[in-house]
Amino acid sequence: RAAMNEIFDFGRPRSIVLVSLIERSGRQLPIQPD
């Protein structure tokens, strides 16, 4: 979420594809890697 906020300070992307090496439980926000 913080990274997306900063990206939007640089401009408005068409889309963001999220990639994560490791996904673990404990999500507090509805953000899921692609």
PDB file of all heavy atoms in Angstrom:
ATOM      1  N   ARG A   1       0.840  -1.209   0.000  1.00  0.00           N
ATOM      2  CA  ARG A   1       0.000   0.000   0.000  1.00  0.00           C
ATOM      3  C   ARG A   1       0.866   1.246   0.000  1.00  0.00           C
ATOM      4  O   ARG A   1       0.644   2.187  -0.761  1.00  0.00           O
ATOM      5  CB  ARG A   1      -0.947   0.027   1.199  1.00  0.00           C
ATOM      6  CG  ARG A   1      -1.911   1.222   1.131  1.00  0.00           C
ATOM      7  CD  ARG A   1      -2.277   1.800   2.498  1.00  0.00           C
ATOM      8  NE  ARG A   1      -1.182   1.992   3.399  1.00  0.00           N
ATOM      9  CZ  ARG A   1      -0.422   3.104   3.468  1.00  0.00           C
ATOM     10  NH1 ARG A   1      -0.607   4.102   2.643  1.00  0.00           N
ATOM     11  NH2 ARG A   1       0.527   3.200   4.358  1.00  0.00           N
ATOM     12  N   ALA A   2       1.899   1.269   0.831  1.00  0.00           N
ATOM     13  CA  ALA A   2       2.810   2.408   0.877  1.00  0.00           C
ATOM     14  C   ALA A   2       3.533   2.593  -0.457  1.00  0.00           C
ATOM     15  O   ALA A   2       3.700   3.718  -0.932  1.00  0.00           O
ATOM     16  CB  ALA A   2       3.810   2.228   2.014  1.00  0.00           C
ATOM     17  N   ALA A   3       3.937   1.488  -1.068  1.00  0.00           N
ATOM     18  CA  ALA A   3       4.630   1.557  -2.361  1.00  0.00           C
ATOM     19  C   ALA A   3       3.703   2.134  -3.436  1.00  0.00           C
ATOM     20  O   ALA A   3       4.128   2.967  -4.245  1.00  0.00           O
ATOM     21  CB  ALA A   3       5.131   0.174  -2.766  1.00  0.00           C
ATOM     22  N   MET A   4       2.446   1.710  -3.442  1.00  0.00           N
ATOM     23  CA  MET A   4       1.512   2.241  -4.433  1.00  0.00           C
ATOM     24  C   MET A   4       1.280   3.734  -4.214  1.00  0.00           C
ATOM     25  O   MET A   4       1.198   4.501  -5.175  1.00  0.00           O
ATOM     26  CB  MET A   4       0.206   1.461  -4.408  1.00  0.00           C
ATOM     27  CG  MET A   4       0.360   0.057  -4.968  1.00  0.00           C
ATOM     28  SD  MET A   4      -1.172  -0.841  -5.266  1.00  0.00           S
ATOM     29  CE  MET A   4      -1.909  -0.898  -3.645  1.00  0.00           C
ATOM     30  N   ASN A   5       1.198   4.158  -2.952  1.00  0.00           N
ATOM     31  CA  ASN A   5       1.061   5.593  -2.680  1.00  0.00           C
ATOM     32  C   ASN A   5       2.233   6.374  -3.266  1.00  0.00           C
ATOM     33  O   ASN A   5       2.056   7.433  -3.864  1.00  0.00           O
ATOM     34  CB  ASN A   5       0.973   5.855  -1.176  1.00  0.00           C
ATOM     35  CG  ASN A   5      -0.380   5.516  -0.600  1.00  0.00           C
ATOM     36  OD1 ASN A   5      -1.322   5.228  -1.319  1.00  0.00           O
ATOM     37  ND2 ASN A   5      -0.457   5.533   0.715  1.00  0.00           N
ATOM     38  N   GLU A   6       3.449   5.841  -3.086  1.00  0.00           N
ATOM     39  CA  GLU A   6       4.614   6.541  -3.611  1.00  0.00           C
ATOM     40  C   GLU A   6       4.625   6.520  -5.141  1.00  0.00           C
ATOM     41  O   GLU A   6       4.958   7.518  -5.777  1.00  0.00           O
ATOM     42  CB  GLU A   6       5.909   5.954  -3.068  1.00  0.00           C
ATOM     43  CG  GLU A   6       7.113   6.762  -3.511  1.00  0.00           C
ATOM     44  CD  GLU A   6       8.403   6.417  -2.805  1.00  0.00           C
ATOM     45  OE1 GLU A   6       8.397   5.562  -1.894  1.00  0.00           O
ATOM     46  OE2 GLU A   6       9.432   7.006  -3.184  1.00  0.00           O
ATOM     47  N   ILE A   7       4.273   5.398  -5.746  1.00  0.00           N
ATOM     48  CA  ILE A   7       4.218   5.332  -7.214  1.00  0.00           C
ATOM     49  C   ILE A   7       3.275   6.405  -7.747  1.00  0.00           C
ATOM     50  O   ILE A   7       3.586   7.095  -8.720  1.00  0.00           O
ATOM     51  CB  ILE A   7       3.787   3.924  -7.684  1.00  0.00           C
ATOM     52  CG1 ILE A   7       4.914   2.923  -7.435  1.00  0.00           C
ATOM     53  CG2 ILE A   7       3.404   3.946  -9.166  1.00  0.00           C
ATOM     54  CD1 ILE A   7       4.507   1.472  -7.626  1.00  0.00           C
ATOM     55  N   PHE A   8       2.123   6.592  -7.106  1.00  0.00           N
ATOM     56  CA  PHE A   8       1.166   7.587  -7.566  1.00  0.00           C
ATOM     57  C   PHE A   8       1.693   9.014  -7.379  1.00  0.00           C
ATOM     58  O   PHE A   8       1.212   9.929  -8.048  1.00  0.00           O
ATOM     59  CB  PHE A   8      -0.196   7.391  -6.891  1.00  0.00           C
ATOM     60  CG  PHE A   8      -1.058   6.398  -7.610  1.00  0.00           C
ATOM     61  CD1 PHE A   8      -0.920   5.034  -7.369  1.00  0.00           C
ATOM     62  CD2 PHE A   8      -1.988   6.814  -8.560  1.00  0.00           C
ATOM     63  CE1 PHE A   8      -1.691   4.109  -8.049  1.00  0.00           C
ATOM     64  CE2 PHE A   8      -2.767   5.886  -9.241  1.00  0.00           C
ATOM     65  CZ  PHE A   8      -2.621   4.527  -8.989  1.00  0.00           C
ATOM     66  N   ASP A   9       2.677   9.215  -6.527  1.00  0.00           N
ATOM     67  CA  ASP A   9       3.330  10.524  -6.445  1.00  0.00           C
ATOM     68  C   ASP A   9       4.172  10.791  -7.688  1.00  0.00           C
ATOM     69  O   ASP A   9       4.441  11.939  -8.027  1.00  0.00           O
ATOM     70  CB  ASP A   9       4.210  10.628  -5.192  1.00  0.00           C
ATOM     71  CG  ASP A   9       3.386  10.888  -3.941  1.00  0.00           C
ATOM     72  OD1 ASP A   9       2.170  11.162  -4.065  1.00  0.00           O
ATOM     73  OD2 ASP A   9       3.961  10.805  -2.841  1.00  0.00           O
ATOM     74  N   PHE A  10       4.599   9.735  -8.377  1.00  0.00           N
ATOM     75  CA  PHE A  10       5.371   9.867  -9.614  1.00  0.00           C
ATOM     76  C   PHE A  10       4.462  10.004 -10.839  1.00  0.00           C
ATOM     77  O   PHE A  10       4.906  10.436 -11.895  1.00  0.00           O
ATOM     78  CB  PHE A  10       6.295   8.654  -9.807  1.00  0.00           C
ATOM     79  CG  PHE A  10       7.534   8.701  -8.973  1.00  0.00           C
ATOM     80  CD1 PHE A  10       7.530   8.175  -7.681  1.00  0.00           C
ATOM     81  CD2 PHE A  10       8.708   9.248  -9.463  1.00  0.00           C
ATOM     82  CE1 PHE A  10       8.683   8.210  -6.904  1.00  0.00           C
ATOM     83  CE2 PHE A  10       9.854   9.290  -8.699  1.00  0.00           C
ATOM     84  CZ  PHE A  10       9.851   8.766  -7.412  1.00  0.00           C
ATOM     85  N   GLY A  11       3.217   9.568 -10.738  1.00  0.00           N
ATOM     86  CA  GLY A  11       2.288   9.626 -11.857  1.00  0.00           C
ATOM     87  C   GLY A  11       1.193   8.599 -11.687  1.00  0.00           C
ATOM     88  O   GLY A  11       1.135   7.890 -10.679  1.00  0.00           O
ATOM     89  N   ARG A  12       0.330   8.497 -12.693  1.00  0.00           N
ATOM     90  CA  ARG A  12      -0.809   7.572 -12.624  1.00  0.00           C
ATOM     91  C   ARG A  12      -0.591   6.417 -13.593  1.00  0.00           C
ATOM     92  O   ARG A  12      -0.770   6.569 -14.799  1.00  0.00           O
ATOM     93  CB  ARG A  12      -2.106   8.305 -12.973  1.00  0.00           C
ATOM     94  CG  ARG A  12      -3.329   7.446 -12.757  1.00  0.00           C
ATOM     95  CD  ARG A  12      -4.606   8.191 -13.140  1.00  0.00           C
ATOM     96  NE  ARG A  12      -5.775   7.407 -12.820  1.00  0.00           N
ATOM     97  CZ  ARG A  12      -6.250   6.415 -13.563  1.00  0.00           C
ATOM     98  NH1 ARG A  12      -5.641   6.064 -14.669  1.00  0.00           N
ATOM     99  NH2 ARG A  12      -7.336   5.767 -13.208  1.00  0.00           N
ATOM    100  N   PRO A  13      -0.221   5.246 -13.069  1.00  0.00           N
ATOM    101  CA  PRO A  13      -0.018   4.093 -13.947  1.00  0.00           C
ATOM    102  C   PRO A  13      -1.343   3.571 -14.502  1.00  0.00           C
ATOM    103  O   PRO A  13      -2.399   3.769 -13.899  1.00  0.00           O
ATOM    104  CB  PRO A  13       0.636   3.059 -13.044  1.00  0.00           C
ATOM    105  CG  PRO A  13       0.249   3.443 -11.666  1.00  0.00           C
ATOM    106  CD  PRO A  13       0.037   4.927 -11.667  1.00  0.00           C
ATOM    107  N   ARG A  14      -1.263   2.886 -15.642  1.00  0.00           N
ATOM    108  CA  ARG A  14      -2.444   2.224 -16.216  1.00  0.00           C
ATOM    109  C   ARG A  14      -2.819   1.029 -15.353  1.00  0.00           C
ATOM    110  O   ARG A  14      -3.982   0.785 -15.071  1.00  0.00           O
ATOM    111  CB  ARG A  14      -2.150   1.766 -17.641  1.00  0.00           C
ATOM    112  CG  ARG A  14      -3.278   0.978 -18.278  1.00  0.00           C
ATOM    113  CD  ARG A  14      -2.948   0.501 -19.675  1.00  0.00           C
ATOM    114  NE  ARG A  14      -1.677   1.074 -20.090  1.00  0.00           N
ATOM    115  CZ  ARG A  14      -1.256   1.184 -21.321  1.00  0.00           C
ATOM    116  NH1 ARG A  14      -1.989   0.741 -22.287  1.00  0.00           N
ATOM    117  NH2 ARG A  14      -0.095   1.710 -21.606  1.00  0.00           N
ATOM    118  N   SER A  15      -1.804   0.245 -14.938  1.00  0.00           N
ATOM    119  CA  SER A  15      -2.059  -0.928 -14.103  1.00  0.00           C
ATOM    120  C   SER A  15      -0.810  -1.233 -13.279  1.00  0.00           C
ATOM    121  O   SER A  15       0.286  -0.791 -13.618  1.00  0.00           O
ATOM    122  CB  SER A  15      -2.414  -2.149 -14.961  1.00  0.00           C
ATOM    123  OG  SER A  15      -1.286  -2.595 -15.696  1.00  0.00           O
ATOM    124  N   ILE A  16      -1.027  -1.989 -12.212  1.00  0.00           N
ATOM    125  CA  ILE A  16       0.077  -2.469 -11.377  1.00  0.00           C
ATOM    126  C   ILE A  16      -0.110  -3.968 -11.203  1.00  0.00           C
ATOM    127  O   ILE A  16      -1.162  -4.421 -10.737  1.00  0.00           O
ATOM    128  CB  ILE A  16       0.124  -1.778 -10.009  1.00  0.00           C
ATOM    129  CG1 ILE A  16       0.375  -0.274 -10.172  1.00  0.00           C
ATOM    130  CG2 ILE A  16       1.205  -2.411  -9.125  1.00  0.00           C
ATOM    131  CD1 ILE A  16       0.345   0.514  -8.873  1.00  0.00           C
ATOM    132  N   VAL A  17       0.909  -4.725 -11.593  1.00  0.00           N
ATOM    133  CA  VAL A  17       0.949  -6.168 -11.384  1.00  0.00           C
ATOM    134  C   VAL A  17       1.860  -6.393 -10.182  1.00  0.00           C
ATOM    135  O   VAL A  17       3.003  -5.949 -10.170  1.00  0.00           O
ATOM    136  CB  VAL A  17       1.507  -6.893 -12.626  1.00  0.00           C
ATOM    137  CG1 VAL A  17       1.680  -8.378 -12.352  1.00  0.00           C
ATOM    138  CG2 VAL A  17       0.606  -6.663 -13.831  1.00  0.00           C
ATOM    139  N   LEU A  18       1.352  -7.070  -9.166  1.00  0.00           N
ATOM    140  CA  LEU A  18       2.115  -7.294  -7.940  1.00  0.00           C
ATOM    141  C   LEU A  18       2.760  -8.672  -7.960  1.00  0.00           C
ATOM    142  O   LEU A  18       2.089  -9.682  -8.188  1.00  0.00           O
ATOM    143  CB  LEU A  18       1.219  -7.155  -6.715  1.00  0.00           C
ATOM    144  CG  LEU A  18       1.879  -7.377  -5.356  1.00  0.00           C
ATOM    145  CD1 LEU A  18       3.058  -6.425  -5.136  1.00  0.00           C
ATOM    146  CD2 LEU A  18       0.849  -7.226  -4.241  1.00  0.00           C
ATOM    147  N   VAL A  19       4.071  -8.692  -7.708  1.00  0.00           N
ATOM    148  CA  VAL A  19       4.849  -9.921  -7.664  1.00  0.00           C
ATOM    149  C   VAL A  19       5.522  -9.998  -6.296  1.00  0.00           C
ATOM    150  O   VAL A  19       6.097  -9.019  -5.825  1.00  0.00           O
ATOM    151  CB  VAL A  19       5.932  -9.924  -8.774  1.00  0.00           C
ATOM    152  CG1 VAL A  19       6.801 -11.154  -8.678  1.00  0.00           C
ATOM    153  CG2 VAL A  19       5.288  -9.816 -10.144  1.00  0.00           C
ATOM    154  N   SER A  20       5.455 -11.166  -5.662  1.00  0.00           N
ATOM    155  CA  SER A  20       6.088 -11.352  -4.360  1.00  0.00           C
ATOM    156  C   SER A  20       6.798 -12.703  -4.318  1.00  0.00           C
ATOM    157  O   SER A  20       6.228 -13.717  -4.723  1.00  0.00           O
ATOM    158  CB  SER A  20       5.042 -11.278  -3.248  1.00  0.00           C
ATOM    159  OG  SER A  20       5.646 -11.377  -1.979  1.00  0.00           O
ATOM    160  N   LEU A  21       8.031 -12.695  -3.837  1.00  0.00           N
ATOM    161  CA  LEU A  21       8.777 -13.940  -3.693  1.00  0.00           C
ATOM    162  C   LEU A  21       8.067 -14.881  -2.723  1.00  0.00           C
ATOM    163  O   LEU A  21       7.896 -16.058  -2.990  1.00  0.00           O
ATOM    164  CB  LEU A  21      10.206 -13.647  -3.207  1.00  0.00           C
ATOM    165  CG  LEU A  21      11.122 -14.847  -3.017  1.00  0.00           C
ATOM    166  CD1 LEU A  21      11.461 -15.484  -4.361  1.00  0.00           C
ATOM    167  CD2 LEU A  21      12.402 -14.422  -2.292  1.00  0.00           C
ATOM    168  N   ILE A  22       7.642 -14.335  -1.586  1.00  0.00           N
ATOM    169  CA  ILE A  22       6.989 -15.113  -0.529  1.00  0.00           C
ATOM    170  C   ILE A  22       5.653 -14.469  -0.181  1.00  0.00           C
ATOM    171  O   ILE A  22       5.569 -13.256  -0.002  1.00  0.00           O
ATOM    172  CB  ILE A  22       7.861 -15.173   0.754  1.00  0.00           C
ATOM    173  CG1 ILE A  22       9.221 -15.800   0.466  1.00  0.00           C
ATOM    174  CG2 ILE A  22       7.125 -15.884   1.883  1.00  0.00           C
ATOM    175  CD1 ILE A  22       9.182 -17.262   0.089  1.00  0.00           C
ATOM    176  N   GLU A  23       4.627 -15.288  -0.081  1.00  0.00           N
ATOM    177  CA  GLU A  23       3.332 -14.830   0.433  1.00  0.00           C
ATOM    178  C   GLU A  23       3.046 -15.624   1.696  1.00  0.00           C
ATOM    179  O   GLU A  23       3.146 -16.842   1.698  1.00  0.00           O
ATOM    180  CB  GLU A  23       2.223 -15.061  -0.583  1.00  0.00           C
ATOM    181  CG  GLU A  23       0.871 -14.597  -0.066  1.00  0.00           C
ATOM    182  CD  GLU A  23      -0.271 -14.849  -1.045  1.00  0.00           C
ATOM    183  OE1 GLU A  23      -0.145 -15.717  -1.923  1.00  0.00           O
ATOM    184  OE2 GLU A  23      -1.297 -14.178  -0.890  1.00  0.00           O
ATOM    185  N   ARG A  24       2.719 -14.917   2.746  1.00  0.00           N
ATOM    186  CA  ARG A  24       2.373 -15.591   3.994  1.00  0.00           C
ATOM    187  C   ARG A  24       1.076 -15.041   4.531  1.00  0.00           C
ATOM    188  O   ARG A  24       0.600 -14.015   4.068  1.00  0.00           O
ATOM    189  CB  ARG A  24       3.504 -15.463   5.015  1.00  0.00           C
ATOM    190  CG  ARG A  24       3.804 -14.052   5.451  1.00  0.00           C
ATOM    191  CD  ARG A  24       4.489 -13.998   6.799  1.00  0.00           C
ATOM    192  NE  ARG A  24       3.651 -14.636   7.778  1.00  0.00           N
ATOM    193  CZ  ARG A  24       4.090 -15.228   8.878  1.00  0.00           C
ATOM    194  NH1 ARG A  24       5.367 -15.233   9.156  1.00  0.00           N
ATOM    195  NH2 ARG A  24       3.271 -15.809   9.732  1.00  0.00           N
ATOM    196  N   SER A  25       0.504 -15.711   5.488  1.00  0.00           N
ATOM    197  CA  SER A  25      -0.769 -15.280   6.051  1.00  0.00           C
ATOM    198  C   SER A  25      -0.564 -14.042   6.913  1.00  0.00           C
ATOM    199  O   SER A  25       0.547 -13.689   7.264  1.00  0.00           O
ATOM    200  CB  SER A  25      -1.381 -16.404   6.887  1.00  0.00           C
ATOM    201  OG  SER A  25      -0.500 -16.723   7.954  1.00  0.00           O
ATOM    202  N   GLY A  26      -1.663 -13.399   7.230  1.00  0.00           N
ATOM    203  CA  GLY A  26      -1.621 -12.229   8.101  1.00  0.00           C
ATOM    204  C   GLY A  26      -2.044 -10.952   7.409  1.00  0.00           C
ATOM    205  O   GLY A  26      -1.739  -9.856   7.873  1.00  0.00           O
ATOM    206  N   ARG A  27      -2.759 -11.071   6.270  1.00  0.00           N
ATOM    207  CA  ARG A  27      -3.148  -9.884   5.519  1.00  0.00           C
ATOM    208  C   ARG A  27      -4.065  -9.007   6.356  1.00  0.00           C
ATOM    209  O   ARG A  27      -5.017  -9.482   6.971  1.00  0.00           O
ATOM    210  CB  ARG A  27      -3.856 -10.299   4.226  1.00  0.00           C
ATOM    211  CG  ARG A  27      -3.831  -9.253   3.152  1.00  0.00           C
ATOM    212  CD  ARG A  27      -2.525  -9.186   2.387  1.00  0.00           C
ATOM    213  NE  ARG A  27      -2.405 -10.315   1.492  1.00  0.00           N
ATOM    214  CZ  ARG A  27      -1.488 -11.280   1.674  1.00  0.00           C
ATOM    215  NH1 ARG A  27      -0.647 -11.249   2.671  1.00  0.00           N
ATOM    216  NH2 ARG A  27      -1.414 -12.274   0.838  1.00  0.00           N
ATOM    217  N   GLN A  28      -3.774  -7.714   6.375  1.00  0.00           N
ATOM    218  CA  GLN A  28      -4.601  -6.725   7.053  1.00  0.00           C
ATOM    219  C   GLN A  28      -5.316  -5.821   6.052  1.00  0.00           C
ATOM    220  O   GLN A  28      -6.257  -5.122   6.417  1.00  0.00           O
ATOM    221  CB  GLN A  28      -3.743  -5.875   7.993  1.00  0.00           C
ATOM    222  CG  GLN A  28      -3.099  -6.686   9.094  1.00  0.00           C
ATOM    223  CD  GLN A  28      -2.064  -5.900   9.883  1.00  0.00           C
ATOM    224  OE1 GLN A  28      -1.704  -4.781   9.538  1.00  0.00           O
ATOM    225  NE2 GLN A  28      -1.584  -6.501  10.955  1.00  0.00           N
ATOM    226  N   LEU A  29      -4.828  -5.809   4.816  1.00  0.00           N
ATOM    227  CA  LEU A  29      -5.431  -5.021   3.749  1.00  0.00           C
ATOM    228  C   LEU A  29      -5.753  -5.945   2.574  1.00  0.00           C
ATOM    229  O   LEU A  29      -5.068  -6.941   2.367  1.00  0.00           O
ATOM    230  CB  LEU A  29      -4.453  -3.921   3.292  1.00  0.00           C
ATOM    231  CG  LEU A  29      -4.024  -2.917   4.357  1.00  0.00           C
ATOM    232  CD1 LEU A  29      -2.962  -1.976   3.802  1.00  0.00           C
ATOM    233  CD2 LEU A  29      -5.219  -2.129   4.864  1.00  0.00           C
ATOM    234  N   PRO A  30      -6.760  -5.612   1.771  1.00  0.00           N
ATOM    235  CA  PRO A  30      -7.150  -6.490   0.663  1.00  0.00           C
ATOM    236  C   PRO A  30      -6.221  -6.334  -0.555  1.00  0.00           C
ATOM    237  O   PRO A  30      -6.630  -5.903  -1.618  1.00  0.00           O
ATOM    238  CB  PRO A  30      -8.580  -6.040   0.360  1.00  0.00           C
ATOM    239  CG  PRO A  30      -8.585  -4.587   0.723  1.00  0.00           C
ATOM    240  CD  PRO A  30      -7.673  -4.470   1.917  1.00  0.00           C
ATOM    241  N   ILE A  31      -4.972  -6.696  -0.361  1.00  0.00           N
ATOM    242  CA  ILE A  31      -3.956  -6.602  -1.402  1.00  0.00           C
ATOM    243  C   ILE A  31      -3.403  -8.001  -1.625  1.00  0.00           C
ATOM    244  O   ILE A  31      -2.911  -8.630  -0.692  1.00  0.00           O
ATOM    245  CB  ILE A  31      -2.830  -5.630  -0.983  1.00  0.00           C
ATOM    246  CG1 ILE A  31      -3.403  -4.208  -0.853  1.00  0.00           C
ATOM    247  CG2 ILE A  31      -1.674  -5.682  -1.964  1.00  0.00           C
ATOM    248  CD1 ILE A  31      -2.423  -3.199  -0.300  1.00  0.00           C
ATOM    249  N   GLN A  32      -3.520  -8.483  -2.868  1.00  0.00           N
ATOM    250  CA  GLN A  32      -3.102  -9.846  -3.199  1.00  0.00           C
ATOM    251  C   GLN A  32      -2.112  -9.816  -4.352  1.00  0.00           C
ATOM    252  O   GLN A  32      -2.346  -9.123  -5.335  1.00  0.00           O
ATOM    253  CB  GLN A  32      -4.303 -10.699  -3.593  1.00  0.00           C
ATOM    254  CG  GLN A  32      -5.400 -10.758  -2.557  1.00  0.00           C
ATOM    255  CD  GLN A  32      -4.941 -11.346  -1.240  1.00  0.00           C
ATOM    256  OE1 GLN A  32      -4.163 -12.283  -1.205  1.00  0.00           O
ATOM    257  NE2 GLN A  32      -5.401 -10.780  -0.145  1.00  0.00           N
ATOM    258  N   PRO A  33      -1.030 -10.566  -4.277  1.00  0.00           N
ATOM    259  CA  PRO A  33      -0.085 -10.621  -5.398  1.00  0.00           C
ATOM    260  C   PRO A  33      -0.664 -11.395  -6.582  1.00  0.00           C
ATOM    261  O   PRO A  33      -1.453 -12.326  -6.411  1.00  0.00           O
ATOM    262  CB  PRO A  33       1.133 -11.332  -4.812  1.00  0.00           C
ATOM    263  CG  PRO A  33       0.632 -12.059  -3.620  1.00  0.00           C
ATOM    264  CD  PRO A  33      -0.581 -11.332  -3.125  1.00  0.00           C
ATOM    265  N   ASP A  34      -0.246 -10.980  -7.784  1.00  0.00           N
ATOM    266  CA  ASP A  34      -0.641 -11.660  -9.015  1.00  0.00           C
ATOM    267  C   ASP A  34       0.268 -12.842  -9.296  1.00  0.00           C
ATOM    268  O   ASP A  34      -0.162 -13.828  -9.893  1.00  0.00           O
ATOM    269  CB  ASP A  34      -0.585 -10.679 -10.191  1.00  0.00           C
ATOM    270  CG  ASP A  34      -1.537  -9.515  -9.999  1.00  0.00           C
ATOM    271  OD1 ASP A  34      -2.759  -9.752 -10.041  1.00  0.00           O
ATOM    272  OD2 ASP A  34      -1.066  -8.374  -9.786  1.00  0.00           O
TER     273      ASP A  34
END
